[in-house]
Amino acid sequence: MAPAEFAMEPESTGAGLASAGQLRAQALASGLPVLPVGNYVSGYSAVVEAVLTGYSAELSGKVAAGMTQAAISVATMQDTEQSGQATLSS
């Protein structure tokens, strides 16, 4: 059964999504873990660091894009909801 009314609270929804994105961005900004170096693990550590650096850069882009898309999505939903309310109340 469909709900009689859909109501999103844009302020709290936008704030929650922005907060989640900021937490992810802060985690990425904290940098990569320090890997051990030594005669036996230096080569391995260098490869792991290179892979992690690539993934970190990719993930940073995804976090930024996700935050932008979340803001657009909330604004679009708010506009759609307001338009629907205006149409239904006419």
PDB file of N, CA and C in Angstrom:
ATOM      1  N   MET A   1       0.849  -1.170   0.000  1.00  0.00           N
ATOM      2  CA  MET A   1       0.000   0.000   0.000  1.00  0.00           C
ATOM      3  C   MET A   1       0.900   1.239   0.000  1.00  0.00           C
ATOM      4  N   ALA A   2       0.606   2.158  -0.858  1.00  0.00           N
ATOM      5  CA  ALA A   2       1.400   3.384  -0.977  1.00  0.00           C
ATOM      6  C   ALA A   2       1.082   4.338   0.164  1.00  0.00           C
ATOM      7  N   PRO A   3       2.066   5.074   0.617  1.00  0.00           N
ATOM      8  CA  PRO A   3       1.792   6.049   1.679  1.00  0.00           C
ATOM      9  C   PRO A   3       0.904   7.174   1.161  1.00  0.00           C
ATOM     10  N   ALA A   4       0.110   7.737   2.050  1.00  0.00           N
ATOM     11  CA  ALA A   4      -0.784   8.828   1.674  1.00  0.00           C
ATOM     12  C   ALA A   4      -0.005  10.105   1.399  1.00  0.00           C
ATOM     13  N   GLU A   5       1.157  10.226   2.000  1.00  0.00           N
ATOM     14  CA  GLU A   5       1.932  11.455   1.851  1.00  0.00           C
ATOM     15  C   GLU A   5       3.420  11.128   1.953  1.00  0.00           C
ATOM     16  N   PHE A   6       4.192  11.702   1.084  1.00  0.00           N
ATOM     17  CA  PHE A   6       5.639  11.570   1.169  1.00  0.00           C
ATOM     18  C   PHE A   6       6.192  12.902   1.633  1.00  0.00           C
ATOM     19  N   ALA A   7       6.978  12.880   2.647  1.00  0.00           N
ATOM     20  CA  ALA A   7       7.570  14.121   3.132  1.00  0.00           C
ATOM     21  C   ALA A   7       9.014  13.849   3.543  1.00  0.00           C
ATOM     22  N   MET A   8       9.908  14.487   2.861  1.00  0.00           N
ATOM     23  CA  MET A   8      11.315  14.394   3.206  1.00  0.00           C
ATOM     24  C   MET A   8      11.697  15.685   3.906  1.00  0.00           C
ATOM     25  N   GLU A   9      12.469  15.579   4.934  1.00  0.00           N
ATOM     26  CA  GLU A   9      12.975  16.771   5.596  1.00  0.00           C
ATOM     27  C   GLU A   9      14.306  17.112   4.928  1.00  0.00           C
ATOM     28  N   PRO A  10      14.305  18.050   3.983  1.00  0.00           N
ATOM     29  CA  PRO A  10      15.513  18.313   3.202  1.00  0.00           C
ATOM     30  C   PRO A  10      16.707  18.773   4.025  1.00  0.00           C
ATOM     31  N   GLU A  11      16.451  19.555   5.078  1.00  0.00           N
ATOM     32  CA  GLU A  11      17.568  20.059   5.882  1.00  0.00           C
ATOM     33  C   GLU A  11      18.295  18.915   6.584  1.00  0.00           C
ATOM     34  N   SER A  12      17.514  18.052   7.261  1.00  0.00           N
ATOM     35  CA  SER A  12      18.154  16.952   7.997  1.00  0.00           C
ATOM     36  C   SER A  12      18.724  15.906   7.051  1.00  0.00           C
ATOM     37  N   THR A  13      18.056  15.654   5.937  1.00  0.00           N
ATOM     38  CA  THR A  13      18.564  14.699   4.960  1.00  0.00           C
ATOM     39  C   THR A  13      19.860  15.206   4.352  1.00  0.00           C
ATOM     40  N   GLY A  14      19.870  16.464   3.937  1.00  0.00           N
ATOM     41  CA  GLY A  14      21.081  17.053   3.362  1.00  0.00           C
ATOM     42  C   GLY A  14      22.220  17.097   4.363  1.00  0.00           C
ATOM     43  N   ALA A  15      21.895  17.438   5.607  1.00  0.00           N
ATOM     44  CA  ALA A  15      22.923  17.499   6.645  1.00  0.00           C
ATOM     45  C   ALA A  15      23.497  16.111   6.935  1.00  0.00           C
ATOM     46  N   GLY A  16      22.640  15.112   6.974  1.00  0.00           N
ATOM     47  CA  GLY A  16      23.102  13.745   7.225  1.00  0.00           C
ATOM     48  C   GLY A  16      23.996  13.227   6.118  1.00  0.00           C
ATOM     49  N   LEU A  17      23.601  13.472   4.879  1.00  0.00           N
ATOM     50  CA  LEU A  17      24.418  13.031   3.746  1.00  0.00           C
ATOM     51  C   LEU A  17      25.742  13.792   3.688  1.00  0.00           C
ATOM     52  N   ALA A  18      25.704  15.089   3.961  1.00  0.00           N
ATOM     53  CA  ALA A  18      26.938  15.884   3.962  1.00  0.00           C
ATOM     54  C   ALA A  18      27.873  15.423   5.078  1.00  0.00           C
ATOM     55  N   SER A  19      27.311  15.123   6.234  1.00  0.00           N
ATOM     56  CA  SER A  19      28.120  14.652   7.359  1.00  0.00           C
ATOM     57  C   SER A  19      28.797  13.326   7.038  1.00  0.00           C
ATOM     58  N   ALA A  20      28.060  12.414   6.422  1.00  0.00           N
ATOM     59  CA  ALA A  20      28.643  11.123   6.038  1.00  0.00           C
ATOM     60  C   ALA A  20      29.776  11.317   5.029  1.00  0.00           C
ATOM     61  N   GLY A  21      29.563  12.198   4.059  1.00  0.00           N
ATOM     62  CA  GLY A  21      30.602  12.477   3.077  1.00  0.00           C
ATOM     63  C   GLY A  21      31.834  13.114   3.697  1.00  0.00           C
ATOM     64  N   GLN A  22      31.608  14.020   4.632  1.00  0.00           N
ATOM     65  CA  GLN A  22      32.737  14.681   5.299  1.00  0.00           C
ATOM     66  C   GLN A  22      33.546  13.701   6.142  1.00  0.00           C
ATOM     67  N   LEU A  23      32.858  12.756   6.789  1.00  0.00           N
ATOM     68  CA  LEU A  23      33.577  11.738   7.564  1.00  0.00           C
ATOM     69  C   LEU A  23      34.458  10.887   6.653  1.00  0.00           C
ATOM     70  N   ARG A  24      33.934  10.538   5.493  1.00  0.00           N
ATOM     71  CA  ARG A  24      34.725   9.756   4.548  1.00  0.00           C
ATOM     72  C   ARG A  24      35.907  10.570   4.027  1.00  0.00           C
ATOM     73  N   ALA A  25      35.669  11.838   3.731  1.00  0.00           N
ATOM     74  CA  ALA A  25      36.747  12.699   3.244  1.00  0.00           C
ATOM     75  C   ALA A  25      37.829  12.874   4.308  1.00  0.00           C
ATOM     76  N   GLN A  26      37.431  13.012   5.566  1.00  0.00           N
ATOM     77  CA  GLN A  26      38.400  13.152   6.651  1.00  0.00           C
ATOM     78  C   GLN A  26      39.228  11.881   6.817  1.00  0.00           C
ATOM     79  N   ALA A  27      38.581  10.740   6.678  1.00  0.00           N
ATOM     80  CA  ALA A  27      39.310   9.472   6.788  1.00  0.00           C
ATOM     81  C   ALA A  27      40.347   9.362   5.680  1.00  0.00           C
ATOM     82  N   LEU A  28      39.987   9.786   4.483  1.00  0.00           N
ATOM     83  CA  LEU A  28      40.938   9.749   3.370  1.00  0.00           C
ATOM     84  C   LEU A  28      42.059  10.763   3.569  1.00  0.00           C
ATOM     85  N   ALA A  29      41.721  11.922   4.120  1.00  0.00           N
ATOM     86  CA  ALA A  29      42.722  12.971   4.322  1.00  0.00           C
ATOM     87  C   ALA A  29      43.744  12.589   5.384  1.00  0.00           C
ATOM     88  N   SER A  30      43.387  11.646   6.247  1.00  0.00           N
ATOM     89  CA  SER A  30      44.332  11.235   7.284  1.00  0.00           C
ATOM     90  C   SER A  30      45.525  10.488   6.699  1.00  0.00           C
ATOM     91  N   GLY A  31      45.424  10.100   5.448  1.00  0.00           N
ATOM     92  CA  GLY A  31      46.567   9.487   4.770  1.00  0.00           C
ATOM     93  C   GLY A  31      46.600   7.976   4.864  1.00  0.00           C
ATOM     94  N   LEU A  32      47.598   7.445   4.242  1.00  0.00           N
ATOM     95  CA  LEU A  32      47.780   6.001   4.199  1.00  0.00           C
ATOM     96  C   LEU A  32      48.483   5.517   5.462  1.00  0.00           C
ATOM     97  N   PRO A  33      48.281   4.266   5.800  1.00  0.00           N
ATOM     98  CA  PRO A  33      48.997   3.732   6.962  1.00  0.00           C
ATOM     99  C   PRO A  33      50.497   3.657   6.669  1.00  0.00           C
ATOM    100  N   VAL A  34      51.274   3.723   7.705  1.00  0.00           N
ATOM    101  CA  VAL A  34      52.723   3.593   7.558  1.00  0.00           C
ATOM    102  C   VAL A  34      53.042   2.109   7.422  1.00  0.00           C
ATOM    103  N   LEU A  35      53.674   1.779   6.334  1.00  0.00           N
ATOM    104  CA  LEU A  35      54.004   0.381   6.090  1.00  0.00           C
ATOM    105  C   LEU A  35      55.427   0.092   6.558  1.00  0.00           C
ATOM    106  N   PRO A  36      55.664  -1.134   6.956  1.00  0.00           N
ATOM    107  CA  PRO A  36      57.009  -1.474   7.421  1.00  0.00           C
ATOM    108  C   PRO A  36      58.022  -1.461   6.272  1.00  0.00           C
ATOM    109  N   VAL A  37      59.230  -1.107   6.590  1.00  0.00           N
ATOM    110  CA  VAL A  37      60.318  -1.161   5.612  1.00  0.00           C
ATOM    111  C   VAL A  37      61.457  -1.972   6.218  1.00  0.00           C
ATOM    112  N   GLY A  38      62.143  -2.624   5.390  1.00  0.00           N
ATOM    113  CA  GLY A  38      63.253  -3.455   5.830  1.00  0.00           C
ATOM    114  C   GLY A  38      63.717  -4.297   4.657  1.00  0.00           C
ATOM    115  N   ASN A  39      64.755  -5.037   4.860  1.00  0.00           N
ATOM    116  CA  ASN A  39      65.343  -5.814   3.771  1.00  0.00           C
ATOM    117  C   ASN A  39      64.353  -6.754   3.104  1.00  0.00           C
ATOM    118  N   TYR A  40      63.505  -7.393   3.893  1.00  0.00           N
ATOM    119  CA  TYR A  40      62.635  -8.423   3.346  1.00  0.00           C
ATOM    120  C   TYR A  40      61.290  -7.896   2.856  1.00  0.00           C
ATOM    121  N   VAL A  41      60.843  -6.773   3.348  1.00  0.00           N
ATOM    122  CA  VAL A  41      59.499  -6.296   3.019  1.00  0.00           C
ATOM    123  C   VAL A  41      59.476  -5.005   2.213  1.00  0.00           C
ATOM    124  N   SER A  42      60.601  -4.419   1.937  1.00  0.00           N
ATOM    125  CA  SER A  42      60.625  -3.133   1.232  1.00  0.00           C
ATOM    126  C   SER A  42      59.933  -3.199  -0.122  1.00  0.00           C
ATOM    127  N   GLY A  43      60.236  -4.221  -0.899  1.00  0.00           N
ATOM    128  CA  GLY A  43      59.600  -4.356  -2.215  1.00  0.00           C
ATOM    129  C   GLY A  43      58.103  -4.533  -2.109  1.00  0.00           C
ATOM    130  N   TYR A  44      57.696  -5.371  -1.206  1.00  0.00           N
ATOM    131  CA  TYR A  44      56.272  -5.616  -0.982  1.00  0.00           C
ATOM    132  C   TYR A  44      55.589  -4.335  -0.503  1.00  0.00           C
ATOM    133  N   SER A  45      56.185  -3.652   0.447  1.00  0.00           N
ATOM    134  CA  SER A  45      55.598  -2.421   0.982  1.00  0.00           C
ATOM    135  C   SER A  45      55.466  -1.355  -0.095  1.00  0.00           C
ATOM    136  N   ALA A  46      56.439  -1.261  -0.986  1.00  0.00           N
ATOM    137  CA  ALA A  46      56.378  -0.270  -2.067  1.00  0.00           C
ATOM    138  C   ALA A  46      55.213  -0.569  -3.011  1.00  0.00           C
ATOM    139  N   VAL A  47      55.015  -1.842  -3.331  1.00  0.00           N
ATOM    140  CA  VAL A  47      53.899  -2.224  -4.209  1.00  0.00           C
ATOM    141  C   VAL A  47      52.568  -1.940  -3.530  1.00  0.00           C
ATOM    142  N   VAL A  48      52.441  -2.307  -2.278  1.00  0.00           N
ATOM    143  CA  VAL A  48      51.197  -2.074  -1.536  1.00  0.00           C
ATOM    144  C   VAL A  48      50.916  -0.582  -1.432  1.00  0.00           C
ATOM    145  N   GLU A  49      51.934   0.204  -1.152  1.00  0.00           N
ATOM    146  CA  GLU A  49      51.742   1.657  -1.052  1.00  0.00           C
ATOM    147  C   GLU A  49      51.291   2.250  -2.378  1.00  0.00           C
ATOM    148  N   ALA A  50      51.860   1.785  -3.482  1.00  0.00           N
ATOM    149  CA  ALA A  50      51.450   2.284  -4.801  1.00  0.00           C
ATOM    150  C   ALA A  50      49.990   1.937  -5.087  1.00  0.00           C
ATOM    151  N   VAL A  51      49.589   0.725  -4.763  1.00  0.00           N
ATOM    152  CA  VAL A  51      48.198   0.315  -4.974  1.00  0.00           C
ATOM    153  C   VAL A  51      47.258   1.133  -4.086  1.00  0.00           C
ATOM    154  N   LEU A  52      47.612   1.275  -2.822  1.00  0.00           N
ATOM    155  CA  LEU A  52      46.767   2.050  -1.902  1.00  0.00           C
ATOM    156  C   LEU A  52      46.669   3.513  -2.319  1.00  0.00           C
ATOM    157  N   THR A  53      47.753   4.076  -2.824  1.00  0.00           N
ATOM    158  CA  THR A  53      47.725   5.470  -3.287  1.00  0.00           C
ATOM    159  C   THR A  53      46.735   5.621  -4.443  1.00  0.00           C
ATOM    160  N   GLY A  54      46.764   4.677  -5.371  1.00  0.00           N
ATOM    161  CA  GLY A  54      45.816   4.724  -6.491  1.00  0.00           C
ATOM    162  C   GLY A  54      44.383   4.601  -6.033  1.00  0.00           C
ATOM    163  N   TYR A  55      44.122   3.647  -5.144  1.00  0.00           N
ATOM    164  CA  TYR A  55      42.762   3.469  -4.628  1.00  0.00           C
ATOM    165  C   TYR A  55      42.306   4.679  -3.816  1.00  0.00           C
ATOM    166  N   SER A  56      43.200   5.263  -3.075  1.00  0.00           N
ATOM    167  CA  SER A  56      42.859   6.436  -2.266  1.00  0.00           C
ATOM    168  C   SER A  56      42.453   7.606  -3.153  1.00  0.00           C
ATOM    169  N   ALA A  57      43.210   7.818  -4.229  1.00  0.00           N
ATOM    170  CA  ALA A  57      42.877   8.905  -5.159  1.00  0.00           C
ATOM    171  C   ALA A  57      41.530   8.653  -5.826  1.00  0.00           C
ATOM    172  N   GLU A  58      41.299   7.415  -6.228  1.00  0.00           N
ATOM    173  CA  GLU A  58      40.023   7.061  -6.861  1.00  0.00           C
ATOM    174  C   GLU A  58      38.864   7.258  -5.888  1.00  0.00           C
ATOM    175  N   LEU A  59      39.057   6.821  -4.659  1.00  0.00           N
ATOM    176  CA  LEU A  59      38.008   6.943  -3.651  1.00  0.00           C
ATOM    177  C   LEU A  59      37.744   8.404  -3.296  1.00  0.00           C
ATOM    178  N   SER A  60      38.778   9.232  -3.282  1.00  0.00           N
ATOM    179  CA  SER A  60      38.587  10.663  -3.017  1.00  0.00           C
ATOM    180  C   SER A  60      37.675  11.281  -4.068  1.00  0.00           C
ATOM    181  N   GLY A  61      37.882  10.906  -5.317  1.00  0.00           N
ATOM    182  CA  GLY A  61      37.013  11.394  -6.390  1.00  0.00           C
ATOM    183  C   GLY A  61      35.581  10.929  -6.221  1.00  0.00           C
ATOM    184  N   LYS A  62      35.424   9.683  -5.820  1.00  0.00           N
ATOM    185  CA  LYS A  62      34.077   9.148  -5.625  1.00  0.00           C
ATOM    186  C   LYS A  62      33.368   9.824  -4.459  1.00  0.00           C
ATOM    187  N   VAL A  63      34.100  10.121  -3.401  1.00  0.00           N
ATOM    188  CA  VAL A  63      33.493  10.803  -2.247  1.00  0.00           C
ATOM    189  C   VAL A  63      33.034  12.203  -2.654  1.00  0.00           C
ATOM    190  N   ALA A  64      33.881  12.921  -3.375  1.00  0.00           N
ATOM    191  CA  ALA A  64      33.506  14.269  -3.823  1.00  0.00           C
ATOM    192  C   ALA A  64      32.301  14.223  -4.750  1.00  0.00           C
ATOM    193  N   ALA A  65      32.299  13.289  -5.679  1.00  0.00           N
ATOM    194  CA  ALA A  65      31.167  13.156  -6.600  1.00  0.00           C
ATOM    195  C   ALA A  65      29.899  12.750  -5.849  1.00  0.00           C
ATOM    196  N   GLY A  66      30.045  11.881  -4.874  1.00  0.00           N
ATOM    197  CA  GLY A  66      28.885  11.456  -4.083  1.00  0.00           C
ATOM    198  C   GLY A  66      28.284  12.595  -3.280  1.00  0.00           C
ATOM    199  N   MET A  67      29.145  13.433  -2.716  1.00  0.00           N
ATOM    200  CA  MET A  67      28.644  14.578  -1.944  1.00  0.00           C
ATOM    201  C   MET A  67      27.907  15.554  -2.864  1.00  0.00           C
ATOM    202  N   THR A  68      28.451  15.785  -4.045  1.00  0.00           N
ATOM    203  CA  THR A  68      27.797  16.672  -5.011  1.00  0.00           C
ATOM    204  C   THR A  68      26.457  16.098  -5.441  1.00  0.00           C
ATOM    205  N   GLN A  69      26.446  14.801  -5.765  1.00  0.00           N
ATOM    206  CA  GLN A  69      25.208  14.159  -6.205  1.00  0.00           C
ATOM    207  C   GLN A  69      24.171  14.129  -5.097  1.00  0.00           C
ATOM    208  N   ALA A  70      24.589  13.943  -3.864  1.00  0.00           N
ATOM    209  CA  ALA A  70      23.644  13.942  -2.745  1.00  0.00           C
ATOM    210  C   ALA A  70      22.968  15.301  -2.611  1.00  0.00           C
ATOM    211  N   ALA A  71      23.748  16.370  -2.728  1.00  0.00           N
ATOM    212  CA  ALA A  71      23.172  17.716  -2.629  1.00  0.00           C
ATOM    213  C   ALA A  71      22.182  17.967  -3.766  1.00  0.00           C
ATOM    214  N   ILE A  72      22.541  17.544  -4.968  1.00  0.00           N
ATOM    215  CA  ILE A  72      21.642  17.709  -6.122  1.00  0.00           C
ATOM    216  C   ILE A  72      20.377  16.881  -5.926  1.00  0.00           C
ATOM    217  N   SER A  73      20.533  15.662  -5.433  1.00  0.00           N
ATOM    218  CA  SER A  73      19.396  14.773  -5.233  1.00  0.00           C
ATOM    219  C   SER A  73      18.407  15.325  -4.215  1.00  0.00           C
ATOM    220  N   VAL A  74      18.919  15.847  -3.112  1.00  0.00           N
ATOM    221  CA  VAL A  74      18.041  16.418  -2.084  1.00  0.00           C
ATOM    222  C   VAL A  74      17.309  17.641  -2.641  1.00  0.00           C
ATOM    223  N   ALA A  75      18.025  18.495  -3.352  1.00  0.00           N
ATOM    224  CA  ALA A  75      17.391  19.689  -3.926  1.00  0.00           C
ATOM    225  C   ALA A  75      16.335  19.308  -4.960  1.00  0.00           C
ATOM    226  N   THR A  76      16.633  18.321  -5.783  1.00  0.00           N
ATOM    227  CA  THR A  76      15.679  17.872  -6.803  1.00  0.00           C
ATOM    228  C   THR A  76      14.442  17.272  -6.152  1.00  0.00           C
ATOM    229  N   MET A  77      14.642  16.463  -5.121  1.00  0.00           N
ATOM    230  CA  MET A  77      13.507  15.854  -4.429  1.00  0.00           C
ATOM    231  C   MET A  77      12.649  16.917  -3.760  1.00  0.00           C
ATOM    232  N   GLN A  78      13.294  17.919  -3.187  1.00  0.00           N
ATOM    233  CA  GLN A  78      12.545  18.998  -2.546  1.00  0.00           C
ATOM    234  C   GLN A  78      11.720  19.755  -3.589  1.00  0.00           C
ATOM    235  N   ASP A  79      12.313  20.057  -4.734  1.00  0.00           N
ATOM    236  CA  ASP A  79      11.576  20.743  -5.805  1.00  0.00           C
ATOM    237  C   ASP A  79      10.418  19.897  -6.304  1.00  0.00           C
ATOM    238  N   THR A  80      10.645  18.608  -6.481  1.00  0.00           N
ATOM    239  CA  THR A  80       9.593  17.705  -6.949  1.00  0.00           C
ATOM    240  C   THR A  80       8.451  17.626  -5.939  1.00  0.00           C
ATOM    241  N   GLU A  81       8.799  17.531  -4.674  1.00  0.00           N
ATOM    242  CA  GLU A  81       7.788  17.446  -3.627  1.00  0.00           C
ATOM    243  C   GLU A  81       6.961  18.740  -3.576  1.00  0.00           C
ATOM    244  N   GLN A  82       7.628  19.886  -3.659  1.00  0.00           N
ATOM    245  CA  GLN A  82       6.910  21.164  -3.624  1.00  0.00           C
ATOM    246  C   GLN A  82       6.012  21.317  -4.859  1.00  0.00           C
ATOM    247  N   SER A  83       6.505  20.893  -6.009  1.00  0.00           N
ATOM    248  CA  SER A  83       5.718  20.963  -7.232  1.00  0.00           C
ATOM    249  C   SER A  83       4.485  20.065  -7.130  1.00  0.00           C
ATOM    250  N   GLY A  84       4.680  18.869  -6.593  1.00  0.00           N
ATOM    251  CA  GLY A  84       3.557  17.954  -6.415  1.00  0.00           C
ATOM    252  C   GLY A  84       2.514  18.491  -5.453  1.00  0.00           C
ATOM    253  N   GLN A  85       2.989  19.085  -4.358  1.00  0.00           N
ATOM    254  CA  GLN A  85       2.050  19.669  -3.394  1.00  0.00           C
ATOM    255  C   GLN A  85       1.258  20.808  -4.026  1.00  0.00           C
ATOM    256  N   ALA A  86       1.930  21.626  -4.822  1.00  0.00           N
ATOM    257  CA  ALA A  86       1.230  22.742  -5.477  1.00  0.00           C
ATOM    258  C   ALA A  86       0.201  22.223  -6.461  1.00  0.00           C
ATOM    259  N   THR A  87       0.561  21.181  -7.204  1.00  0.00           N
ATOM    260  CA  THR A  87      -0.370  20.607  -8.183  1.00  0.00           C
ATOM    261  C   THR A  87      -1.569  19.981  -7.486  1.00  0.00           C
ATOM    262  N   LEU A  88      -1.318  19.243  -6.434  1.00  0.00           N
ATOM    263  CA  LEU A  88      -2.406  18.556  -5.733  1.00  0.00           C
ATOM    264  C   LEU A  88      -3.302  19.508  -4.956  1.00  0.00           C
ATOM    265  N   SER A  89      -2.781  20.654  -4.560  1.00  0.00           N
ATOM    266  CA  SER A  89      -3.596  21.583  -3.790  1.00  0.00           C
ATOM    267  C   SER A  89      -4.366  22.550  -4.687  1.00  0.00           C
ATOM    268  N   SER A  90      -4.140  22.485  -5.990  1.00  0.00           N
ATOM    269  CA  SER A  90      -4.849  23.370  -6.935  1.00  0.00           C
ATOM    270  C   SER A  90      -6.259  22.883  -7.195  1.00  0.00           C
TER     271      SER A  90
END
